C-alpha atoms as a PDB file:
ATOM      1  CA  MET A   1     203.362 158.815  41.315  1.00  0.00           C
ATOM      2  CA  LYS A   2     199.745 159.081  42.673  1.00  0.00           C
ATOM      3  CA  ILE A   3     196.935 159.995  40.235  1.00  0.00           C
ATOM      4  CA  ARG A   4     193.146 160.486  40.706  1.00  0.00           C
ATOM      5  CA  ILE A   5     191.159 157.356  40.716  1.00  0.00           C
ATOM      6  CA  GLN A   6     189.038 158.634  37.837  1.00  0.00           C
ATOM      7  CA  LYS A   7     192.120 159.236  35.707  1.00  0.00           C
ATOM      8  CA  PHE A   8     193.474 155.817  36.424  1.00  0.00           C
ATOM      9  CA  LEU A   9     190.090 154.075  35.555  1.00  0.00           C
ATOM     10  CA  SER A  10     190.014 156.114  32.416  1.00  0.00           C
ATOM     11  CA  ARG A  11     193.460 155.215  31.290  1.00  0.00           C
ATOM     12  CA  ALA A  12     192.887 151.547  32.072  1.00  0.00           C
ATOM     13  CA  GLY A  13     189.945 151.556  29.744  1.00  0.00           C
ATOM     14  CA  VAL A  14     187.361 150.824  32.301  1.00  0.00           C
ATOM     15  CA  ALA A  15     185.259 153.963  31.577  1.00  0.00           C
ATOM     16  CA  SER A  16     185.457 157.622  30.683  1.00  0.00           C
ATOM     17  CA  ARG A  17     186.134 159.832  33.568  1.00  0.00           C
ATOM     18  CA  ARG A  18     182.422 160.786  33.837  1.00  0.00           C
ATOM     19  CA  LYS A  19     181.369 157.194  33.838  1.00  0.00           C
ATOM     20  CA  ALA A  20     184.114 156.507  36.287  1.00  0.00           C
ATOM     21  CA  GLU A  21     182.593 159.040  38.808  1.00  0.00           C
ATOM     22  CA  GLU A  22     179.312 157.186  38.460  1.00  0.00           C
ATOM     23  CA  LEU A  23     181.028 153.877  39.289  1.00  0.00           C
ATOM     24  CA  ILE A  24     182.435 155.500  42.455  1.00  0.00           C
ATOM     25  CA  LYS A  25     179.104 157.079  43.422  1.00  0.00           C
ATOM     26  CA  HIS A  26     177.413 153.668  43.304  1.00  0.00           C
ATOM     27  CA  GLY A  27     180.086 152.099  45.490  1.00  0.00           C
ATOM     28  CA  ARG A  28     181.488 149.792  42.755  1.00  0.00           C
ATOM     29  CA  VAL A  29     185.086 150.682  43.139  1.00  0.00           C
ATOM     30  CA  LYS A  30     187.553 149.450  45.827  1.00  0.00           C
ATOM     31  CA  VAL A  31     190.983 150.493  46.645  1.00  0.00           C
ATOM     32  CA  ASN A  32     192.912 147.955  48.787  1.00  0.00           C
ATOM     33  CA  GLY A  33     189.678 146.100  49.679  1.00  0.00           C
ATOM     34  CA  LYS A  34     187.678 149.331  50.731  1.00  0.00           C
ATOM     35  CA  ILE A  35     184.901 150.909  48.860  1.00  0.00           C
ATOM     36  CA  ILE A  36     185.828 154.420  48.035  1.00  0.00           C
ATOM     37  CA  GLU A  37     183.284 157.297  48.361  1.00  0.00           C
ATOM     38  CA  SER A  38     185.240 160.378  47.487  1.00  0.00           C
ATOM     39  CA  MET A  39     185.884 161.589  43.959  1.00  0.00           C
ATOM     40  CA  GLY A  40     189.307 163.053  45.052  1.00  0.00           C
ATOM     41  CA  VAL A  41     190.865 159.855  46.095  1.00  0.00           C
ATOM     42  CA  LYS A  42     194.442 159.429  44.681  1.00  0.00           C
ATOM     43  CA  ILE A  43     196.062 156.060  44.150  1.00  0.00           C
ATOM     44  CA  ASP A  44     199.353 154.653  43.410  1.00  0.00           C
ATOM     45  CA  PRO A  45     198.963 152.438  40.338  1.00  0.00           C
ATOM     46  CA  GLU A  46     202.283 150.525  41.121  1.00  0.00           C
ATOM     47  CA  ASN A  47     201.326 149.601  44.710  1.00  0.00           C
ATOM     48  CA  ASP A  48     197.529 149.856  45.159  1.00  0.00           C
ATOM     49  CA  GLU A  49     194.994 147.139  44.283  1.00  0.00           C
ATOM     50  CA  ILE A  50     191.947 148.611  42.380  1.00  0.00           C
ATOM     51  CA  LYS A  51     188.829 146.660  41.841  1.00  0.00           C
ATOM     52  CA  VAL A  52     185.642 147.456  39.903  1.00  0.00           C
ATOM     53  CA  ASP A  53     182.828 145.191  40.659  1.00  0.00           C
ATOM     54  CA  ASN A  54     185.329 143.047  42.527  1.00  0.00           C
ATOM     55  CA  ARG A  55     187.535 142.576  39.399  1.00  0.00           C
ATOM     56  CA  ILE A  56     191.051 143.667  39.516  1.00  0.00           C
ATOM     57  CA  VAL A  57     191.860 146.559  37.187  1.00  0.00           C
ATOM     58  CA  LYS A  58     195.372 146.691  35.637  1.00  0.00           C
ATOM     59  CA  GLY A  59     196.786 149.991  34.363  1.00  0.00           C
ATOM     60  CA  ASN A  60     198.984 148.606  31.661  1.00  0.00           C
ATOM     61  CA  GLN A  61     196.419 146.988  29.409  1.00  0.00           C
ATOM     62  CA  LYS A  62     197.116 147.009  25.680  1.00  0.00           C
ATOM     63  CA  LYS A  63     194.701 149.501  23.945  1.00  0.00           C
ATOM     64  CA  ILE A  64     192.449 148.258  21.163  1.00  0.00           C
ATOM     65  CA  TYR A  65     190.392 150.278  18.793  1.00  0.00           C
ATOM     66  CA  ILE A  66     187.445 148.550  16.700  1.00  0.00           C
ATOM     67  CA  MET A  67     184.989 149.558  14.008  1.00  0.00           C
ATOM     68  CA  LEU A  68     181.706 147.699  14.058  1.00  0.00           C
ATOM     69  CA  ASN A  69     178.883 147.668  11.579  1.00  0.00           C
ATOM     70  CA  LYS A  70     176.180 147.325  14.243  1.00  0.00           C
ATOM     71  CA  PRO A  71     173.091 145.403  13.289  1.00  0.00           C
ATOM     72  CA  LYS A  72     169.582 146.092  14.461  1.00  0.00           C
ATOM     73  CA  GLY A  73     168.588 144.285  17.724  1.00  0.00           C
ATOM     74  CA  TYR A  74     171.727 144.892  19.722  1.00  0.00           C
ATOM     75  CA  ILE A  75     172.159 147.031  22.727  1.00  0.00           C
ATOM     76  CA  SER A  76     175.094 149.578  22.606  1.00  0.00           C
ATOM     77  CA  SER A  77     176.276 148.631  26.032  1.00  0.00           C
ATOM     78  CA  VAL A  78     178.598 146.266  27.758  1.00  0.00           C
ATOM     79  CA  SER A  79     175.719 144.434  29.474  1.00  0.00           C
ATOM     80  CA  ASP A  80     172.001 144.492  29.553  1.00  0.00           C
ATOM     81  CA  PRO A  81     169.677 143.843  32.687  1.00  0.00           C
ATOM     82  CA  PHE A  82     167.186 142.172  30.361  1.00  0.00           C
ATOM     83  CA  ASN A  83     169.676 139.679  28.814  1.00  0.00           C
ATOM     84  CA  ARG A  84     169.395 141.199  25.441  1.00  0.00           C
ATOM     85  CA  PRO A  85     172.316 140.889  23.060  1.00  0.00           C
ATOM     86  CA  THR A  86     174.848 143.559  23.259  1.00  0.00           C
ATOM     87  CA  VAL A  87     177.476 144.894  20.700  1.00  0.00           C
ATOM     88  CA  ILE A  88     180.181 143.319  22.897  1.00  0.00           C
ATOM     89  CA  ASP A  89     178.747 139.839  22.071  1.00  0.00           C
ATOM     90  CA  LEU A  90     179.688 140.484  18.365  1.00  0.00           C
ATOM     91  CA  ILE A  91     183.315 141.074  19.069  1.00  0.00           C
ATOM     92  CA  ASP A  92     185.257 137.610  19.217  1.00  0.00           C
ATOM     93  CA  ILE A  93     188.464 138.457  20.870  1.00  0.00           C
ATOM     94  CA  ASP A  94     189.890 136.676  24.038  1.00  0.00           C
ATOM     95  CA  ASN A  95     190.344 139.621  26.235  1.00  0.00           C
ATOM     96  CA  LYS A  96     187.366 142.069  26.336  1.00  0.00           C
ATOM     97  CA  ASP A  97     188.265 143.632  29.723  1.00  0.00           C
ATOM     98  CA  GLY A  98     187.461 147.261  29.572  1.00  0.00           C
ATOM     99  CA  LEU A  99     186.100 147.196  26.072  1.00  0.00           C
ATOM    100  CA  HIS A 100     182.989 149.524  25.648  1.00  0.00           C
ATOM    101  CA  PRO A 101     181.029 151.222  22.912  1.00  0.00           C
ATOM    102  CA  VAL A 102     182.012 154.988  22.131  1.00  0.00           C
ATOM    103  CA  GLY A 103     178.595 156.533  22.462  1.00  0.00           C
ATOM    104  CA  ARG A 104     175.682 154.602  21.250  1.00  0.00           C
ATOM    105  CA  LEU A 105     173.353 153.605  18.461  1.00  0.00           C
ATOM    106  CA  ASP A 106     169.913 152.656  19.792  1.00  0.00           C
ATOM    107  CA  TYR A 107     168.439 149.057  19.537  1.00  0.00           C
ATOM    108  CA  ASP A 108     166.663 149.647  16.288  1.00  0.00           C
ATOM    109  CA  SER A 109     169.449 151.503  14.597  1.00  0.00           C
ATOM    110  CA  GLU A 110     172.482 150.156  12.675  1.00  0.00           C
ATOM    111  CA  GLY A 111     175.798 151.250  11.337  1.00  0.00           C
ATOM    112  CA  LEU A 112     179.176 152.526  12.451  1.00  0.00           C
ATOM    113  CA  LEU A 113     180.038 152.096  16.105  1.00  0.00           C
ATOM    114  CA  LEU A 114     183.410 152.375  17.626  1.00  0.00           C
ATOM    115  CA  LEU A 115     184.556 150.235  20.619  1.00  0.00           C
ATOM    116  CA  THR A 116     187.615 150.609  22.701  1.00  0.00           C
ATOM    117  CA  ASN A 117     189.256 150.086  25.990  1.00  0.00           C
ATOM    118  CA  ASP A 118     190.874 153.612  25.876  1.00  0.00           C
ATOM    119  CA  GLY A 119     188.793 155.598  28.152  1.00  0.00           C
ATOM    120  CA  GLU A 120     190.655 158.865  27.451  1.00  0.00           C
ATOM    121  CA  LEU A 121     189.650 158.605  23.743  1.00  0.00           C
ATOM    122  CA  THR A 122     186.111 157.712  24.630  1.00  0.00           C
ATOM    123  CA  PHE A 123     185.851 160.855  26.761  1.00  0.00           C
ATOM    124  CA  LYS A 124     187.237 163.030  23.885  1.00  0.00           C
ATOM    125  CA  LEU A 125     184.875 161.592  21.225  1.00  0.00           C
ATOM    126  CA  THR A 126     181.824 161.954  23.402  1.00  0.00           C
ATOM    127  CA  HIS A 127     182.456 165.292  24.909  1.00  0.00           C
ATOM    128  CA  PRO A 128     180.043 167.876  23.411  1.00  0.00           C
ATOM    129  CA  LYS A 129     182.782 170.534  23.034  1.00  0.00           C
ATOM    130  CA  TYR A 130     184.694 168.618  20.258  1.00  0.00           C
ATOM    131  CA  GLU A 131     181.643 168.757  17.987  1.00  0.00           C
ATOM    132  CA  ILE A 132     182.487 165.770  15.987  1.00  0.00           C
ATOM    133  CA  ASN A 133     180.350 165.404  12.971  1.00  0.00           C
ATOM    134  CA  LYS A 134     178.428 162.011  12.407  1.00  0.00           C
ATOM    135  CA  THR A 135     176.791 161.149   9.160  1.00  0.00           C
ATOM    136  CA  TYR A 136     173.468 159.204   9.093  1.00  0.00           C
ATOM    137  CA  ILE A 137     171.318 157.833   6.160  1.00  0.00           C
ATOM    138  CA  VAL A 138     167.718 157.942   7.259  1.00  0.00           C
ATOM    139  CA  GLU A 139     164.610 156.720   5.519  1.00  0.00           C
ATOM    140  CA  VAL A 140     161.446 158.403   6.711  1.00  0.00           C
ATOM    141  CA  LYS A 141     157.811 157.985   6.079  1.00  0.00           C
ATOM    142  CA  GLY A 142     156.550 160.357   3.289  1.00  0.00           C
ATOM    143  CA  ILE A 143     158.433 163.137   1.709  1.00  0.00           C
ATOM    144  CA  PRO A 144     159.268 166.183   3.842  1.00  0.00           C
ATOM    145  CA  PRO A 145     158.458 169.585   2.118  1.00  0.00           C
ATOM    146  CA  SER A 146     161.139 172.096   1.867  1.00  0.00           C
ATOM    147  CA  GLN A 147     159.717 174.065   4.941  1.00  0.00           C
ATOM    148  CA  LYS A 148     160.159 170.958   7.125  1.00  0.00           C
ATOM    149  CA  MET A 149     163.533 170.318   5.730  1.00  0.00           C
ATOM    150  CA  HIS A 150     164.476 173.772   6.770  1.00  0.00           C
ATOM    151  CA  MET A 151     163.100 173.151  10.288  1.00  0.00           C
ATOM    152  CA  LEU A 152     165.418 170.203  10.608  1.00  0.00           C
ATOM    153  CA  SER A 153     168.313 172.172   9.259  1.00  0.00           C
ATOM    154  CA  LYS A 154     168.071 175.205  11.455  1.00  0.00           C
ATOM    155  CA  GLY A 155     167.122 173.513  14.765  1.00  0.00           C
ATOM    156  CA  ILE A 156     163.800 172.157  16.010  1.00  0.00           C
ATOM    157  CA  LYS A 157     162.087 171.959  19.322  1.00  0.00           C
ATOM    158  CA  LEU A 158     161.533 168.443  20.609  1.00  0.00           C
ATOM    159  CA  GLU A 159     158.809 167.084  22.886  1.00  0.00           C
ATOM    160  CA  ASP A 160     160.898 167.825  25.997  1.00  0.00           C
ATOM    161  CA  GLY A 161     161.610 171.387  25.130  1.00  0.00           C
ATOM    162  CA  LEU A 162     165.076 170.741  23.864  1.00  0.00           C
ATOM    163  CA  ILE A 163     165.997 172.808  20.742  1.00  0.00           C
ATOM    164  CA  THR A 164     168.470 170.952  18.492  1.00  0.00           C
ATOM    165  CA  LYS A 165     171.519 172.518  17.043  1.00  0.00           C
ATOM    166  CA  PRO A 166     171.804 173.310  13.327  1.00  0.00           C
ATOM    167  CA  ALA A 167     172.351 170.223  11.285  1.00  0.00           C
ATOM    168  CA  LYS A 168     173.085 169.544   7.602  1.00  0.00           C
ATOM    169  CA  VAL A 169     170.118 167.588   6.113  1.00  0.00           C
ATOM    170  CA  LYS A 170     169.250 166.926   2.513  1.00  0.00           C
ATOM    171  CA  ILE A 171     167.167 164.416   0.608  1.00  0.00           C
ATOM    172  CA  LYS A 172     169.379 161.727  -1.019  1.00  0.00           C
ATOM    173  CA  GLU A 173     166.740 159.898  -2.976  1.00  0.00           C
ATOM    174  CA  LEU A 174     163.079 159.059  -3.103  1.00  0.00           C
ATOM    175  CA  LYS A 175     161.915 155.415  -2.356  1.00  0.00           C
ATOM    176  CA  ASN A 176     158.446 154.075  -2.662  1.00  0.00           C
ATOM    177  CA  ASN A 177     156.811 157.423  -1.743  1.00  0.00           C
ATOM    178  CA  ASN A 178     159.341 157.746   1.133  1.00  0.00           C
ATOM    179  CA  ALA A 179     162.415 159.929   1.378  1.00  0.00           C
ATOM    180  CA  VAL A 180     165.982 158.951   2.261  1.00  0.00           C
ATOM    181  CA  LEU A 181     167.696 161.725   4.023  1.00  0.00           C
ATOM    182  CA  GLU A 182     171.325 162.367   4.788  1.00  0.00           C
ATOM    183  CA  PHE A 183     171.847 163.896   8.271  1.00  0.00           C
ATOM    184  CA  ILE A 184     175.248 165.389   9.463  1.00  0.00           C
ATOM    185  CA  ILE A 185     174.969 166.264  13.132  1.00  0.00           C
ATOM    186  CA  HIS A 186     177.479 166.735  16.073  1.00  0.00           C
ATOM    187  CA  GLU A 187     175.046 166.368  18.854  1.00  0.00           C
ATOM    188  CA  GLY A 188     174.332 162.949  20.416  1.00  0.00           C
ATOM    189  CA  LYS A 189     171.072 163.367  22.362  1.00  0.00           C
ATOM    190  CA  LYS A 190     169.068 160.106  22.997  1.00  0.00           C
ATOM    191  CA  ARG A 191     167.274 158.995  19.836  1.00  0.00           C
ATOM    192  CA  GLN A 192     167.784 162.580  18.513  1.00  0.00           C
ATOM    193  CA  ILE A 193     167.272 161.906  14.748  1.00  0.00           C
ATOM    194  CA  ARG A 194     164.253 159.789  15.430  1.00  0.00           C
ATOM    195  CA  ARG A 195     162.709 162.598  17.612  1.00  0.00           C
ATOM    196  CA  MET A 196     163.483 165.218  15.122  1.00  0.00           C
ATOM    197  CA  CYS A 197     161.783 163.358  12.371  1.00  0.00           C
ATOM    198  CA  LYS A 198     158.774 162.655  14.495  1.00  0.00           C
ATOM    199  CA  ALA A 199     158.490 166.307  15.340  1.00  0.00           C
ATOM    200  CA  ILE A 200     158.059 167.156  11.766  1.00  0.00           C
ATOM    201  CA  GLY A 201     155.490 164.437  11.081  1.00  0.00           C
ATOM    202  CA  HIS A 202     157.780 161.980   9.160  1.00  0.00           C
ATOM    203  CA  PRO A 203     158.794 159.162  11.406  1.00  0.00           C
ATOM    204  CA  VAL A 204     161.924 157.150  10.777  1.00  0.00           C
ATOM    205  CA  ILE A 205     161.599 153.771   9.011  1.00  0.00           C
ATOM    206  CA  LYS A 206     165.314 152.912   8.906  1.00  0.00           C
ATOM    207  CA  LEU A 207     168.450 154.732  10.377  1.00  0.00           C
ATOM    208  CA  LYS A 208     172.112 153.841   9.734  1.00  0.00           C
ATOM    209  CA  ARG A 209     175.229 155.557  10.792  1.00  0.00           C
ATOM    210  CA  THR A 210     177.757 155.724   8.046  1.00  0.00           C
ATOM    211  CA  LYS A 211     180.628 158.046   9.175  1.00  0.00           C
ATOM    212  CA  ILE A 212     182.110 159.486  12.380  1.00  0.00           C
ATOM    213  CA  GLY A 213     184.327 162.426  11.405  1.00  0.00           C
ATOM    214  CA  ASN A 214     186.138 161.096   8.329  1.00  0.00           C
ATOM    215  CA  LEU A 215     185.780 157.455   9.327  1.00  0.00           C
ATOM    216  CA  ALA A 216     183.567 155.611   7.156  1.00  0.00           C
ATOM    217  CA  LEU A 217     182.055 152.078   7.055  1.00  0.00           C
ATOM    218  CA  LYS A 218     182.763 151.584   3.418  1.00  0.00           C
ATOM    219  CA  ASN A 219     182.498 147.912   2.563  1.00  0.00           C
ATOM    220  CA  LEU A 220     182.249 146.534   6.110  1.00  0.00           C
ATOM    221  CA  ASN A 221     179.324 144.274   6.233  1.00  0.00           C
ATOM    222  CA  THR A 222     176.509 144.379   8.812  1.00  0.00           C
ATOM    223  CA  GLY A 223     177.575 142.494  11.921  1.00  0.00           C
ATOM    224  CA  LYS A 224     181.242 142.443  11.073  1.00  0.00           C
ATOM    225  CA  TRP A 225     184.055 144.333  12.704  1.00  0.00           C
ATOM    226  CA  ARG A 226     187.726 145.137  12.223  1.00  0.00           C
ATOM    227  CA  PHE A 227     190.550 146.781  14.093  1.00  0.00           C
ATOM    228  CA  LEU A 228     191.328 150.321  13.178  1.00  0.00           C
ATOM    229  CA  ASN A 229     194.701 150.915  11.538  1.00  0.00           C
ATOM    230  CA  GLU A 230     197.282 153.236  12.975  1.00  0.00           C
ATOM    231  CA  GLU A 231     196.265 156.093  10.688  1.00  0.00           C
ATOM    232  CA  GLU A 232     192.773 155.906  11.765  1.00  0.00           C
ATOM    233  CA  ILE A 233     193.629 155.796  15.456  1.00  0.00           C
ATOM    234  CA  GLN A 234     195.906 158.873  15.139  1.00  0.00           C
ATOM    235  CA  TYR A 235     193.130 160.617  13.323  1.00  0.00           C
ATOM    236  CA  LEU A 236     190.692 160.062  16.169  1.00  0.00           C
ATOM    237  CA  LYS A 237     193.310 161.116  18.778  1.00  0.00           C
ATOM    238  CA  ASN A 238     194.142 164.306  16.847  1.00  0.00           C
ATOM    239  CA  ILE A 239     190.417 165.499  16.264  1.00  0.00           C
END
């Protein structure tokens, strides 16, 4: 049975459907030796040869699901044009084909990051309509007064005009004249929490993600990773 090339690439763990469209747009996908240019191309997984960046893509790859406690100083990407270390470098398994981070944590941030070769799940977990809560512990410079905490909670206008959606924000503790905040948000704009805190005049000193939905880091040490268990995998698929 023929299926759209984007769906095949997503199922094979190469990328989400949106990312697969970008690969096609940039001429990185071949079917039977020919670069494809149309998003509507359908392929036969049993008989057609599909390549991405000249590497054959197989549709029956075993799916893997990993939780990583990302350290600072790593890029949340499969590769980096500047040869900086990536989160993939931290995963010591033999076959990393199709393995990619689900969403991102920026270079200077740390904490819970999921990695998988399941493009369908990646699409679901990163699509805005699912509104999956993510929890962060954030140390900021100074102690925000209640008025500024309210601004963070109700939504704040950032430097590019974006108005953030309502968030749950509270002060967890005070630390050396600074505040440690807990953020619970379901948006994932680039460097969003850092930009929110900068907008109220309390820049971020340290940022760590501790939960995605009900999945928590718990006692997983920085730089370490583990496979998700079946219950955790089903939880993510049923969100």
